[in-house]
Every structure is written in structure tokens, then in C-alpha cells.
Amino acid sequence: MPDSDCYALLANPHVRLSGTVDQDMYNSFRKQLEGCPDTGPIVITINTLGGDPEMARVMGDDVRLLREQDGREMIFLGKVAVYSAGTTFMSFFPVDCRFLTKTTRLMIHERQMQKKVVVDGPLRTCVAALKATLHEIEQSIVIEEEGFRAIAEGSNVDFETIRARALENWYIDSSEAIKLGLIHGVI
């Protein structure tokens, strides 16, 4: 699709998401998708300070399936703040289908965990509880790195740079995002 046609579509998105990425946002996302035209590109806009990365992955998987199984062109438009889980959601769109408004900032960071591990009881139970927590952390890192690779794919930024910068909560404004090749355009 020529950029001029795409820019016209971006002015009136089909799906508008705002707020915390959670089950409520996913329900709204699904309901709005059901109201989309049966043909043509679907524009999805999001503004979020973050939320549940797994819900972002569920929404992203729906986007992937629509693109791969139904052949739909799915276009991402980030507005104002696309932080954390919002950037995870963006990673499911190819770079040439990613756009930000002029005042938008992305934020990429490591997944976080807040969990207390209680070591109390029979020793084997204690070991099992510690191993279960370690496995949860290890798998979360694997999932995080899959997301970082998806963000980097097709851009001028490599996985290692994203992983290193994520340690410090990497904020990227729209002009830097386009220079880095993380998005296709700024509107």
C-alpha cells in the first residue's frame, strides 16, 4: 500500500486501545476487531504505560494469525506512550507496518518479577519451590529475548543492543525510532 494511502488510514484507526494492557484491554481489542471491515488493512492504535506482557503477547498473536492465516494487512500506530507491554505488542507487527505519532515515546525494559520465596518445610519441598521459581525466571528471560528479537527484526538495531539498553529502561522518541529503523514512519 502506498504511504499516502496508509497515512490516510492512520487518521481513523479501526481499533483504539488505551490504558493498561490487561484482560479488559484484550476484551476491548477482540470486540473492536469483530467490528472491522472484512477486507483491507486494519489499523490498530495504542497508548499505554504498560501492563501484562502475556496479554500483549496474546493480542500480538491474534494480529499474527490475522496476517498469516487471513492475509490481512495489520498496521500499528503508537500514540504518546508505548511503554513496556505496548512495545511487546508492537513487536508483532513488521517494521514496515509500524508507525508512531510525532510526540510518541517507546520504552523497552526487562521483564520484572516481584515474588517472595518462602523456604519453610520439608527440605525436598524447599528445593522444589526454589527450582520452580528459577524455572519461571529462566522461561521469562527466554520469552523476553524472543520479544527483543522481534522488535529488532528488520530494523537497524541488533538484539544485543536492545537487551543491553533494556536494563536501563530505554526510552526512544519517534524521531530516534525512525532513525533506528524500529518503525516505518512518523505522522
Foldseek 3Di string as FASTA:
>chain_A
DDPVVVVVQQVPAQAEEEEELDPVRLVSRVVSVVVDDPDAAGEYEYEYQYHDLVSLVVSLVVVLCCCPVVVHHYAYEYEQEQEDSSLLNVLSHPQARYEYAQNYKYWAAQDDDDDDQDQDDDPVVSVVSVVVVVVVVVVSVVVSLVSLCSLLPQWQDHSVVSHVCNHVTDMDGRVRCVVRSSHNYYD
